[in-house]
């Protein structure tokens, strides 16, 4: 599913607030994301068959490219054969050796076939950017994300509104009352201990949370495996057995490795202990006390969200976030 809505860019026709916005976006895209030099465009009025002319250094050689921008996102139409005419003449006119189609939708099959014939018969080089290609380039780098934030503010704002959300697997119609206590029978397997609630809505909430745990279990296991790979000497599993492990019980903390914690620099050390605490929080607190770093011995609580968030680098923070979000013990 597309994450960027190209309709946030003003239409290139009609009573648009900015008829040239897509071309302006293309200019910034090629400069900041692709790293090319824009030598012509964008401009208002007849363009002679070119929207942008860009140059890029490839294997030590400067390659001039003609960029044709087509913004059909509002009509949802593909860019057709008739929308790109005289490609070879346009390349010659602007001293370019490569054609780039930069489209907010996609190229039609007929246009792709036309370009393939030009490549085969005339040796013309071409590249097509459709909406998915542009999106991938934007969201695949820091520079691209900054461009996306500028031109697609609503899409970026709504891209990751929340990490997880509660799915409605059960409703109040699924709840059963026995002597004033409620539970959802379908949420429990045969022989499993039932959990009762004093109100119907609480029973349904618990049942839905229980269902989410089942959904999150493989995600939690994946995050745990990433933690084990990051700290291979601190878990009781060999590197060759990590991938095949089916549960956390097969990858328990190596408590005997406490005497090797000093080999880790401080921030990775506290992140490891935070991960271990999911298995045995009391034991981790005991370890911290032995290291004279427990919250009872200093102002900073090294297991607090605030400290871990500010002191942990991206890869470790990603693992900690997933372990917390998908916790499925």
C-alpha atoms as a PDB file:
ATOM      1  CA  UNK A   1       0.000   0.000   0.000  1.00  0.00           C
ATOM      2  CA  UNK A   2       1.318   3.432  -0.981  1.00  0.00           C
ATOM      3  CA  UNK A   3       2.441   5.576   1.936  1.00  0.00           C
ATOM      4  CA  UNK A   4       2.767   8.878   0.066  1.00  0.00           C
ATOM      5  CA  UNK A   5      -0.307  10.464  -1.477  1.00  0.00           C
ATOM      6  CA  UNK A   6       0.805  12.225  -4.661  1.00  0.00           C
ATOM      7  CA  UNK A   7      -2.471  14.131  -4.691  1.00  0.00           C
ATOM      8  CA  UNK A   8      -0.885  16.317  -2.021  1.00  0.00           C
ATOM      9  CA  UNK A   9       1.029  17.862  -4.920  1.00  0.00           C
ATOM     10  CA  UNK A  10      -1.087  20.432  -6.731  1.00  0.00           C
ATOM     11  CA  UNK A  11      -2.537  19.440 -10.129  1.00  0.00           C
ATOM     12  CA  UNK A  12      -0.558  20.481 -13.172  1.00  0.00           C
ATOM     13  CA  UNK A  13      -3.704  21.620 -14.987  1.00  0.00           C
ATOM     14  CA  UNK A  14      -6.839  23.671 -14.344  1.00  0.00           C
ATOM     15  CA  UNK A  15      -7.235  26.120 -11.474  1.00  0.00           C
ATOM     16  CA  UNK A  16      -4.316  24.814  -9.474  1.00  0.00           C
ATOM     17  CA  UNK A  17      -2.694  26.626  -6.587  1.00  0.00           C
ATOM     18  CA  UNK A  18       0.713  25.801  -8.103  1.00  0.00           C
ATOM     19  CA  UNK A  19       0.761  24.413 -11.644  1.00  0.00           C
ATOM     20  CA  UNK A  20       4.497  23.812 -11.473  1.00  0.00           C
ATOM     21  CA  UNK A  21       4.700  22.119  -8.082  1.00  0.00           C
ATOM     22  CA  UNK A  22       5.392  18.634  -9.436  1.00  0.00           C
ATOM     23  CA  UNK A  23       8.278  19.967 -11.546  1.00  0.00           C
ATOM     24  CA  UNK A  24       9.639  21.876  -8.547  1.00  0.00           C
ATOM     25  CA  UNK A  25       9.413  18.666  -6.541  1.00  0.00           C
ATOM     26  CA  UNK A  26      11.242  16.795  -9.313  1.00  0.00           C
ATOM     27  CA  UNK A  27      14.052  19.372  -9.258  1.00  0.00           C
ATOM     28  CA  UNK A  28      14.552  18.984  -5.508  1.00  0.00           C
ATOM     29  CA  UNK A  29      14.299  15.185  -5.858  1.00  0.00           C
ATOM     30  CA  UNK A  30      17.076  14.967  -8.428  1.00  0.00           C
ATOM     31  CA  UNK A  31      19.287  17.438  -6.585  1.00  0.00           C
ATOM     32  CA  UNK A  32      18.976  16.120  -3.046  1.00  0.00           C
ATOM     33  CA  UNK A  33      17.972  12.480  -3.412  1.00  0.00           C
ATOM     34  CA  UNK A  34      19.613  11.415  -6.652  1.00  0.00           C
ATOM     35  CA  UNK A  35      22.544  13.799  -6.285  1.00  0.00           C
ATOM     36  CA  UNK A  36      22.330  15.136  -9.841  1.00  0.00           C
ATOM     37  CA  UNK A  37      22.984  18.673 -11.058  1.00  0.00           C
ATOM     38  CA  UNK A  38      19.974  20.432 -12.572  1.00  0.00           C
ATOM     39  CA  UNK A  39      21.118  22.538 -15.522  1.00  0.00           C
ATOM     40  CA  UNK A  40      17.716  23.541 -16.927  1.00  0.00           C
ATOM     41  CA  UNK A  41      14.170  23.980 -15.610  1.00  0.00           C
ATOM     42  CA  UNK A  42      11.644  24.044 -14.298  1.00  0.00           C
ATOM     43  CA  UNK A  43      10.129  26.974 -16.155  1.00  0.00           C
ATOM     44  CA  UNK A  44       6.651  28.298 -16.964  1.00  0.00           C
ATOM     45  CA  UNK A  45       5.319  28.195 -20.523  1.00  0.00           C
ATOM     46  CA  UNK A  46       6.327  26.184 -23.579  1.00  0.00           C
ATOM     47  CA  UNK A  47       9.269  24.007 -22.614  1.00  0.00           C
ATOM     48  CA  UNK A  48      10.174  22.592 -25.991  1.00  0.00           C
ATOM     49  CA  UNK A  49       9.738  19.046 -24.766  1.00  0.00           C
ATOM     50  CA  UNK A  50      11.842  19.218 -21.613  1.00  0.00           C
ATOM     51  CA  UNK A  51      10.905  19.825 -17.982  1.00  0.00           C
ATOM     52  CA  UNK A  52      14.346  19.379 -16.468  1.00  0.00           C
ATOM     53  CA  UNK A  53      17.823  18.756 -17.776  1.00  0.00           C
ATOM     54  CA  UNK A  54      20.068  17.071 -15.240  1.00  0.00           C
ATOM     55  CA  UNK A  55      23.645  15.924 -15.248  1.00  0.00           C
ATOM     56  CA  UNK A  56      25.188  13.174 -13.172  1.00  0.00           C
ATOM     57  CA  UNK A  57      28.673  11.732 -12.960  1.00  0.00           C
ATOM     58  CA  UNK A  58      28.746   8.047 -13.890  1.00  0.00           C
ATOM     59  CA  UNK A  59      32.043   6.166 -13.909  1.00  0.00           C
ATOM     60  CA  UNK A  60      33.872   9.453 -14.268  1.00  0.00           C
ATOM     61  CA  UNK A  61      31.787  10.619 -17.212  1.00  0.00           C
ATOM     62  CA  UNK A  62      29.166  13.386 -17.082  1.00  0.00           C
ATOM     63  CA  UNK A  63      25.854  12.113 -18.452  1.00  0.00           C
ATOM     64  CA  UNK A  64      23.185  14.621 -19.523  1.00  0.00           C
ATOM     65  CA  UNK A  65      19.587  13.482 -19.058  1.00  0.00           C
ATOM     66  CA  UNK A  66      16.252  14.854 -20.206  1.00  0.00           C
ATOM     67  CA  UNK A  67      13.564  14.602 -17.523  1.00  0.00           C
ATOM     68  CA  UNK A  68       9.919  14.558 -18.562  1.00  0.00           C
ATOM     69  CA  UNK A  69       7.512  15.155 -15.654  1.00  0.00           C
ATOM     70  CA  UNK A  70       3.912  13.930 -15.842  1.00  0.00           C
ATOM     71  CA  UNK A  71       1.653  14.471 -12.854  1.00  0.00           C
ATOM     72  CA  UNK A  72      -1.521  12.444 -13.427  1.00  0.00           C
ATOM     73  CA  UNK A  73      -2.140  11.391  -9.819  1.00  0.00           C
ATOM     74  CA  UNK A  74      -5.366  13.389  -9.598  1.00  0.00           C
ATOM     75  CA  UNK A  75      -6.861  11.663 -12.653  1.00  0.00           C
ATOM     76  CA  UNK A  76      -5.158   8.332 -11.818  1.00  0.00           C
ATOM     77  CA  UNK A  77      -4.358   7.867 -15.505  1.00  0.00           C
ATOM     78  CA  UNK A  78      -1.175   6.233 -16.740  1.00  0.00           C
ATOM     79  CA  UNK A  79       1.258   8.128 -18.957  1.00  0.00           C
ATOM     80  CA  UNK A  80       0.435   7.004 -22.455  1.00  0.00           C
ATOM     81  CA  UNK A  81       2.324   6.593 -25.696  1.00  0.00           C
ATOM     82  CA  UNK A  82       0.891   9.848 -27.017  1.00  0.00           C
ATOM     83  CA  UNK A  83       2.057  11.776 -23.933  1.00  0.00           C
ATOM     84  CA  UNK A  84       5.715  11.281 -24.835  1.00  0.00           C
ATOM     85  CA  UNK A  85       6.340  12.174 -28.489  1.00  0.00           C
ATOM     86  CA  UNK A  86       9.524  12.792 -30.486  1.00  0.00           C
ATOM     87  CA  UNK A  87      11.716  11.455 -27.702  1.00  0.00           C
ATOM     88  CA  UNK A  88      14.749  11.007 -29.926  1.00  0.00           C
ATOM     89  CA  UNK A  89      14.470  14.537 -31.365  1.00  0.00           C
ATOM     90  CA  UNK A  90      14.065  16.016 -27.875  1.00  0.00           C
ATOM     91  CA  UNK A  91      17.207  14.276 -26.673  1.00  0.00           C
ATOM     92  CA  UNK A  92      19.141  15.658 -29.624  1.00  0.00           C
ATOM     93  CA  UNK A  93      17.757  19.170 -29.192  1.00  0.00           C
ATOM     94  CA  UNK A  94      18.919  19.417 -25.601  1.00  0.00           C
ATOM     95  CA  UNK A  95      22.188  17.465 -26.014  1.00  0.00           C
ATOM     96  CA  UNK A  96      21.069  14.620 -23.754  1.00  0.00           C
ATOM     97  CA  UNK A  97      21.889  10.932 -24.012  1.00  0.00           C
ATOM     98  CA  UNK A  98      19.276   9.548 -21.603  1.00  0.00           C
ATOM     99  CA  UNK A  99      15.535   9.975 -21.213  1.00  0.00           C
ATOM    100  CA  UNK A 100      13.928   9.941 -17.753  1.00  0.00           C
ATOM    101  CA  UNK A 101      10.188   9.663 -17.273  1.00  0.00           C
ATOM    102  CA  UNK A 102       9.271  11.025 -13.855  1.00  0.00           C
ATOM    103  CA  UNK A 103       5.623  10.125 -13.243  1.00  0.00           C
ATOM    104  CA  UNK A 104       3.240  10.401 -10.288  1.00  0.00           C
ATOM    105  CA  UNK A 105       1.340   7.382 -11.639  1.00  0.00           C
ATOM    106  CA  UNK A 106       2.831   4.789 -14.012  1.00  0.00           C
ATOM    107  CA  UNK A 107       3.846   4.482 -17.635  1.00  0.00           C
ATOM    108  CA  UNK A 108       1.464   2.600 -19.885  1.00  0.00           C
ATOM    109  CA  UNK A 109       2.510  -0.664 -21.473  1.00  0.00           C
ATOM    110  CA  UNK A 110       2.456   1.021 -24.880  1.00  0.00           C
ATOM    111  CA  UNK A 111       4.901   3.696 -23.697  1.00  0.00           C
ATOM    112  CA  UNK A 112       7.230   1.132 -22.160  1.00  0.00           C
ATOM    113  CA  UNK A 113       7.226  -0.848 -25.398  1.00  0.00           C
ATOM    114  CA  UNK A 114       7.944   2.318 -27.379  1.00  0.00           C
ATOM    115  CA  UNK A 115      10.962   3.097 -25.191  1.00  0.00           C
ATOM    116  CA  UNK A 116      12.216  -0.473 -25.466  1.00  0.00           C
ATOM    117  CA  UNK A 117      12.077  -0.194 -29.284  1.00  0.00           C
ATOM    118  CA  UNK A 118      14.013   3.074 -29.143  1.00  0.00           C
ATOM    119  CA  UNK A 119      16.632   1.416 -26.985  1.00  0.00           C
ATOM    120  CA  UNK A 120      16.918  -1.553 -29.336  1.00  0.00           C
ATOM    121  CA  UNK A 121      16.846   0.391 -32.617  1.00  0.00           C
ATOM    122  CA  UNK A 122      18.458   3.718 -31.729  1.00  0.00           C
ATOM    123  CA  UNK A 123      20.527   2.880 -28.647  1.00  0.00           C
ATOM    124  CA  UNK A 124      18.619   5.352 -26.501  1.00  0.00           C
ATOM    125  CA  UNK A 125      19.014   4.946 -22.748  1.00  0.00           C
ATOM    126  CA  UNK A 126      15.959   5.511 -20.569  1.00  0.00           C
ATOM    127  CA  UNK A 127      14.799   5.253 -16.979  1.00  0.00           C
ATOM    128  CA  UNK A 128      11.269   5.432 -15.593  1.00  0.00           C
ATOM    129  CA  UNK A 129      10.317   6.623 -12.117  1.00  0.00           C
ATOM    130  CA  UNK A 130       6.733   5.705 -11.205  1.00  0.00           C
ATOM    131  CA  UNK A 131       5.048   6.663  -7.943  1.00  0.00           C
ATOM    132  CA  UNK A 132       6.357   3.590  -6.114  1.00  0.00           C
ATOM    133  CA  UNK A 133       9.923   4.173  -7.312  1.00  0.00           C
ATOM    134  CA  UNK A 134       9.792   7.783  -6.166  1.00  0.00           C
ATOM    135  CA  UNK A 135       8.320   6.790  -2.805  1.00  0.00           C
ATOM    136  CA  UNK A 136      10.999   4.145  -2.215  1.00  0.00           C
ATOM    137  CA  UNK A 137      13.752   6.632  -3.006  1.00  0.00           C
ATOM    138  CA  UNK A 138      12.274   9.254  -0.695  1.00  0.00           C
ATOM    139  CA  UNK A 139      11.705   6.975   2.269  1.00  0.00           C
ATOM    140  CA  UNK A 140      14.943   5.059   1.837  1.00  0.00           C
ATOM    141  CA  UNK A 141      17.283   7.818   2.988  1.00  0.00           C
ATOM    142  CA  UNK A 142      17.479  10.706   5.421  1.00  0.00           C
ATOM    143  CA  UNK A 143      17.784  13.240   2.597  1.00  0.00           C
ATOM    144  CA  UNK A 144      14.765  11.703   0.890  1.00  0.00           C
ATOM    145  CA  UNK A 145      12.693  11.747   4.038  1.00  0.00           C
ATOM    146  CA  UNK A 146      13.325  15.470   4.457  1.00  0.00           C
ATOM    147  CA  UNK A 147      12.089  16.054   0.901  1.00  0.00           C
ATOM    148  CA  UNK A 148       9.025  13.881   1.561  1.00  0.00           C
ATOM    149  CA  UNK A 149       8.309  15.836   4.738  1.00  0.00           C
ATOM    150  CA  UNK A 150       8.328  19.077   2.725  1.00  0.00           C
ATOM    151  CA  UNK A 151       6.140  17.986  -0.191  1.00  0.00           C
ATOM    152  CA  UNK A 152       3.963  15.305   1.471  1.00  0.00           C
ATOM    153  CA  UNK A 153       3.402  16.689   4.993  1.00  0.00           C
ATOM    154  CA  UNK A 154       0.079  14.941   5.593  1.00  0.00           C
ATOM    155  CA  UNK A 155       1.322  11.579   4.342  1.00  0.00           C
ATOM    156  CA  UNK A 156       4.414  11.740   6.535  1.00  0.00           C
ATOM    157  CA  UNK A 157       2.371  12.816   9.549  1.00  0.00           C
ATOM    158  CA  UNK A 158      -0.008   9.889   9.121  1.00  0.00           C
ATOM    159  CA  UNK A 159       2.563   7.343   7.989  1.00  0.00           C
ATOM    160  CA  UNK A 160       3.219   5.800  11.370  1.00  0.00           C
ATOM    161  CA  UNK A 161       0.400   7.055  13.620  1.00  0.00           C
ATOM    162  CA  UNK A 162       1.034   4.219  16.084  1.00  0.00           C
ATOM    163  CA  UNK A 163       3.232   1.173  16.353  1.00  0.00           C
ATOM    164  CA  UNK A 164       0.500  -1.276  17.337  1.00  0.00           C
ATOM    165  CA  UNK A 165      -3.271  -1.175  17.696  1.00  0.00           C
ATOM    166  CA  UNK A 166      -5.792  -3.483  19.310  1.00  0.00           C
ATOM    167  CA  UNK A 167      -7.707  -5.565  16.792  1.00  0.00           C
ATOM    168  CA  UNK A 168     -11.350  -6.334  17.507  1.00  0.00           C
ATOM    169  CA  UNK A 169     -11.225 -10.116  17.439  1.00  0.00           C
ATOM    170  CA  UNK A 170     -14.081 -10.456  19.944  1.00  0.00           C
ATOM    171  CA  UNK A 171     -17.124  -8.313  20.706  1.00  0.00           C
ATOM    172  CA  UNK A 172     -19.521  -8.180  23.634  1.00  0.00           C
ATOM    173  CA  UNK A 173     -21.687 -10.734  21.838  1.00  0.00           C
ATOM    174  CA  UNK A 174     -18.932 -13.292  22.429  1.00  0.00           C
ATOM    175  CA  UNK A 175     -18.939 -12.830  26.216  1.00  0.00           C
ATOM    176  CA  UNK A 176     -20.677 -15.222  28.602  1.00  0.00           C
ATOM    177  CA  UNK A 177     -21.851 -14.535  32.166  1.00  0.00           C
ATOM    178  CA  UNK A 178     -21.788 -17.136  34.937  1.00  0.00           C
ATOM    179  CA  UNK A 179     -22.874 -16.074  38.426  1.00  0.00           C
ATOM    180  CA  UNK A 180     -22.014 -12.435  37.851  1.00  0.00           C
ATOM    181  CA  UNK A 181     -18.628 -13.077  36.248  1.00  0.00           C
ATOM    182  CA  UNK A 182     -17.785 -12.653  32.582  1.00  0.00           C
ATOM    183  CA  UNK A 183     -15.410 -14.369  30.167  1.00  0.00           C
ATOM    184  CA  UNK A 184     -15.093 -15.027  26.414  1.00  0.00           C
ATOM    185  CA  UNK A 185     -15.119 -18.815  25.837  1.00  0.00           C
ATOM    186  CA  UNK A 186     -13.680 -18.639  22.320  1.00  0.00           C
ATOM    187  CA  UNK A 187     -10.538 -16.932  23.622  1.00  0.00           C
ATOM    188  CA  UNK A 188      -9.450 -19.992  25.600  1.00  0.00           C
ATOM    189  CA  UNK A 189      -8.290 -23.387  24.415  1.00  0.00           C
ATOM    190  CA  UNK A 190      -9.497 -26.618  25.984  1.00  0.00           C
ATOM    191  CA  UNK A 191      -7.904 -27.101  29.376  1.00  0.00           C
ATOM    192  CA  UNK A 192      -6.587 -23.539  29.539  1.00  0.00           C
ATOM    193  CA  UNK A 193      -7.177 -21.630  32.763  1.00  0.00           C
ATOM    194  CA  UNK A 194     -10.052 -19.190  32.368  1.00  0.00           C
ATOM    195  CA  UNK A 195      -9.740 -15.538  33.293  1.00  0.00           C
ATOM    196  CA  UNK A 196     -12.903 -13.929  34.616  1.00  0.00           C
ATOM    197  CA  UNK A 197     -13.921 -10.288  34.707  1.00  0.00           C
ATOM    198  CA  UNK A 198     -16.468  -8.381  36.718  1.00  0.00           C
ATOM    199  CA  UNK A 199     -17.891  -6.650  33.632  1.00  0.00           C
ATOM    200  CA  UNK A 200     -18.657  -7.760  30.087  1.00  0.00           C
ATOM    201  CA  UNK A 201     -16.494  -5.065  28.452  1.00  0.00           C
ATOM    202  CA  UNK A 202     -13.502  -5.997  30.616  1.00  0.00           C
ATOM    203  CA  UNK A 203     -13.808  -9.641  29.602  1.00  0.00           C
ATOM    204  CA  UNK A 204     -13.881  -8.646  25.931  1.00  0.00           C
ATOM    205  CA  UNK A 205     -10.899  -6.347  26.393  1.00  0.00           C
ATOM    206  CA  UNK A 206      -8.873  -9.128  27.998  1.00  0.00           C
ATOM    207  CA  UNK A 207      -9.846 -11.582  25.241  1.00  0.00           C
ATOM    208  CA  UNK A 208      -8.764  -9.139  22.539  1.00  0.00           C
ATOM    209  CA  UNK A 209      -5.475  -8.455  24.317  1.00  0.00           C
ATOM    210  CA  UNK A 210      -4.918 -12.207  24.572  1.00  0.00           C
ATOM    211  CA  UNK A 211      -5.537 -12.552  20.831  1.00  0.00           C
ATOM    212  CA  UNK A 212      -3.032  -9.759  20.152  1.00  0.00           C
ATOM    213  CA  UNK A 213      -0.423 -11.659  22.146  1.00  0.00           C
ATOM    214  CA  UNK A 214      -0.822 -14.576  19.741  1.00  0.00           C
ATOM    215  CA  UNK A 215      -0.436 -12.210  16.788  1.00  0.00           C
ATOM    216  CA  UNK A 216       2.626 -10.522  18.277  1.00  0.00           C
ATOM    217  CA  UNK A 217       4.409 -13.673  19.436  1.00  0.00           C
ATOM    218  CA  UNK A 218       6.379 -14.236  16.189  1.00  0.00           C
ATOM    219  CA  UNK A 219       7.262 -10.524  16.057  1.00  0.00           C
ATOM    220  CA  UNK A 220       8.531 -10.664  19.628  1.00  0.00           C
ATOM    221  CA  UNK A 221      10.535 -13.812  18.850  1.00  0.00           C
ATOM    222  CA  UNK A 222      12.103 -12.069  15.847  1.00  0.00           C
ATOM    223  CA  UNK A 223      13.094  -9.061  17.974  1.00  0.00           C
ATOM    224  CA  UNK A 224      14.530 -11.368  20.651  1.00  0.00           C
ATOM    225  CA  UNK A 225      16.619 -13.161  18.025  1.00  0.00           C
ATOM    226  CA  UNK A 226      17.979  -9.805  16.863  1.00  0.00           C
ATOM    227  CA  UNK A 227      18.953  -9.064  20.462  1.00  0.00           C
ATOM    228  CA  UNK A 228      20.706 -12.419  20.739  1.00  0.00           C
ATOM    229  CA  UNK A 229      22.591 -11.761  17.507  1.00  0.00           C
ATOM    230  CA  UNK A 230      23.658  -8.365  18.828  1.00  0.00           C
ATOM    231  CA  UNK A 231      24.911  -9.892  22.111  1.00  0.00           C
ATOM    232  CA  UNK A 232      25.936 -13.449  21.107  1.00  0.00           C
ATOM    233  CA  UNK A 233      28.078 -14.060  24.210  1.00  0.00           C
ATOM    234  CA  UNK A 234      25.314 -13.163  26.627  1.00  0.00           C
ATOM    235  CA  UNK A 235      22.636 -15.726  25.744  1.00  0.00           C
ATOM    236  CA  UNK A 236      22.606 -19.499  26.103  1.00  0.00           C
ATOM    237  CA  UNK A 237      22.340 -20.449  22.440  1.00  0.00           C
ATOM    238  CA  UNK A 238      24.891 -20.987  19.701  1.00  0.00           C
ATOM    239  CA  UNK A 239      24.916 -18.693  16.689  1.00  0.00           C
ATOM    240  CA  UNK A 240      23.979 -21.615  14.438  1.00  0.00           C
ATOM    241  CA  UNK A 241      20.841 -22.369  16.463  1.00  0.00           C
ATOM    242  CA  UNK A 242      19.341 -18.884  16.684  1.00  0.00           C
ATOM    243  CA  UNK A 243      17.357 -19.007  13.454  1.00  0.00           C
ATOM    244  CA  UNK A 244      15.787 -22.395  14.244  1.00  0.00           C
ATOM    245  CA  UNK A 245      14.758 -21.448  17.796  1.00  0.00           C
ATOM    246  CA  UNK A 246      10.993 -21.595  18.308  1.00  0.00           C
ATOM    247  CA  UNK A 247      10.693 -19.868  21.680  1.00  0.00           C
ATOM    248  CA  UNK A 248      12.467 -17.591  24.110  1.00  0.00           C
ATOM    249  CA  UNK A 249      13.093 -20.567  26.395  1.00  0.00           C
ATOM    250  CA  UNK A 250      15.664 -21.782  23.873  1.00  0.00           C
ATOM    251  CA  UNK A 251      17.577 -18.483  24.061  1.00  0.00           C
ATOM    252  CA  UNK A 252      17.733 -17.621  27.744  1.00  0.00           C
ATOM    253  CA  UNK A 253      20.108 -15.026  29.219  1.00  0.00           C
ATOM    254  CA  UNK A 254      23.520 -16.385  30.065  1.00  0.00           C
ATOM    255  CA  UNK A 255      23.542 -15.268  33.676  1.00  0.00           C
ATOM    256  CA  UNK A 256      27.059 -16.623  34.080  1.00  0.00           C
ATOM    257  CA  UNK A 257      28.234 -13.934  31.679  1.00  0.00           C
ATOM    258  CA  UNK A 258      27.635 -11.243  34.307  1.00  0.00           C
ATOM    259  CA  UNK A 259      31.375 -11.094  34.913  1.00  0.00           C
ATOM    260  CA  UNK A 260      31.833 -10.162  31.239  1.00  0.00           C
ATOM    261  CA  UNK A 261      29.516  -7.151  31.365  1.00  0.00           C
ATOM    262  CA  UNK A 262      32.541  -4.927  31.872  1.00  0.00           C
ATOM    263  CA  UNK A 263      33.635  -5.804  28.330  1.00  0.00           C
ATOM    264  CA  UNK A 264      30.671  -3.827  27.038  1.00  0.00           C
ATOM    265  CA  UNK A 265      30.673  -0.049  26.966  1.00  0.00           C
ATOM    266  CA  UNK A 266      28.082   1.504  29.328  1.00  0.00           C
ATOM    267  CA  UNK A 267      25.159   2.155  26.977  1.00  0.00           C
ATOM    268  CA  UNK A 268      25.162  -1.319  25.335  1.00  0.00           C
ATOM    269  CA  UNK A 269      25.564  -2.833  28.808  1.00  0.00           C
ATOM    270  CA  UNK A 270      22.432  -1.146  30.170  1.00  0.00           C
ATOM    271  CA  UNK A 271      20.471  -2.074  27.030  1.00  0.00           C
ATOM    272  CA  UNK A 272      21.440  -5.718  27.496  1.00  0.00           C
ATOM    273  CA  UNK A 273      20.304  -5.649  31.107  1.00  0.00           C
ATOM    274  CA  UNK A 274      17.002  -4.069  30.042  1.00  0.00           C
ATOM    275  CA  UNK A 275      16.515  -7.001  27.668  1.00  0.00           C
ATOM    276  CA  UNK A 276      17.453  -9.508  30.384  1.00  0.00           C
ATOM    277  CA  UNK A 277      14.952  -7.848  32.732  1.00  0.00           C
ATOM    278  CA  UNK A 278      12.109  -9.148  30.567  1.00  0.00           C
ATOM    279  CA  UNK A 279      13.072 -12.616  31.798  1.00  0.00           C
ATOM    280  CA  UNK A 280      13.929 -11.801  35.411  1.00  0.00           C
ATOM    281  CA  UNK A 281      13.632  -8.172  36.535  1.00  0.00           C
ATOM    282  CA  UNK A 282      14.572  -8.903  40.167  1.00  0.00           C
ATOM    283  CA  UNK A 283      17.772 -10.613  39.112  1.00  0.00           C
ATOM    284  CA  UNK A 284      18.716  -7.670  36.919  1.00  0.00           C
ATOM    285  CA  UNK A 285      18.141  -5.281  39.816  1.00  0.00           C
ATOM    286  CA  UNK A 286      20.442  -7.465  41.914  1.00  0.00           C
ATOM    287  CA  UNK A 287      23.102  -7.272  39.200  1.00  0.00           C
ATOM    288  CA  UNK A 288      22.775  -3.492  39.078  1.00  0.00           C
ATOM    289  CA  UNK A 289      23.201  -3.302  42.853  1.00  0.00           C
ATOM    290  CA  UNK A 290      26.353  -5.406  42.631  1.00  0.00           C
ATOM    291  CA  UNK A 291      27.656  -2.939  40.053  1.00  0.00           C
ATOM    292  CA  UNK A 292      26.615   0.011  42.286  1.00  0.00           C
ATOM    293  CA  UNK A 293      24.336   1.307  39.538  1.00  0.00           C
ATOM    294  CA  UNK A 294      20.875   0.495  40.832  1.00  0.00           C
ATOM    295  CA  UNK A 295      18.305   3.284  41.100  1.00  0.00           C
ATOM    296  CA  UNK A 296      18.525   2.980  44.881  1.00  0.00           C
ATOM    297  CA  UNK A 297      22.234   3.830  44.714  1.00  0.00           C
ATOM    298  CA  UNK A 298      22.263   6.744  42.269  1.00  0.00           C
ATOM    299  CA  UNK A 299      20.004   9.436  40.854  1.00  0.00           C
ATOM    300  CA  UNK A 300      19.698   7.862  37.405  1.00  0.00           C
ATOM    301  CA  UNK A 301      17.554   4.771  36.905  1.00  0.00           C
ATOM    302  CA  UNK A 302      19.329   2.962  34.088  1.00  0.00           C
ATOM    303  CA  UNK A 303      16.224   0.862  33.396  1.00  0.00           C
ATOM    304  CA  UNK A 304      13.908   3.859  33.006  1.00  0.00           C
ATOM    305  CA  UNK A 305      12.347   4.625  29.614  1.00  0.00           C
ATOM    306  CA  UNK A 306      13.751   8.144  29.625  1.00  0.00           C
ATOM    307  CA  UNK A 307      17.338   6.993  30.150  1.00  0.00           C
ATOM    308  CA  UNK A 308      17.207   4.099  27.683  1.00  0.00           C
ATOM    309  CA  UNK A 309      15.555   6.261  25.008  1.00  0.00           C
ATOM    310  CA  UNK A 310      18.125   9.044  25.271  1.00  0.00           C
ATOM    311  CA  UNK A 311      21.234   6.901  25.668  1.00  0.00           C
ATOM    312  CA  UNK A 312      20.548   4.058  23.235  1.00  0.00           C
ATOM    313  CA  UNK A 313      21.654   4.081  19.623  1.00  0.00           C
ATOM    314  CA  UNK A 314      19.187   3.374  16.820  1.00  0.00           C
ATOM    315  CA  UNK A 315      19.721  -0.364  16.307  1.00  0.00           C
ATOM    316  CA  UNK A 316      19.434  -1.181  20.006  1.00  0.00           C
ATOM    317  CA  UNK A 317      16.503   1.215  20.423  1.00  0.00           C
ATOM    318  CA  UNK A 318      14.716  -0.557  17.580  1.00  0.00           C
ATOM    319  CA  UNK A 319      15.130  -3.912  19.335  1.00  0.00           C
ATOM    320  CA  UNK A 320      14.003  -2.532  22.698  1.00  0.00           C
ATOM    321  CA  UNK A 321      10.970  -0.874  21.074  1.00  0.00           C
ATOM    322  CA  UNK A 322       9.885  -4.086  19.366  1.00  0.00           C
ATOM    323  CA  UNK A 323      10.425  -6.175  22.494  1.00  0.00           C
ATOM    324  CA  UNK A 324       8.226  -3.811  24.479  1.00  0.00           C
ATOM    325  CA  UNK A 325       5.542  -3.419  21.782  1.00  0.00           C
ATOM    326  CA  UNK A 326       5.254  -7.117  20.976  1.00  0.00           C
ATOM    327  CA  UNK A 327       5.983  -8.532  24.435  1.00  0.00           C
ATOM    328  CA  UNK A 328       4.539 -12.061  24.403  1.00  0.00           C
ATOM    329  CA  UNK A 329       5.831 -13.994  27.393  1.00  0.00           C
END
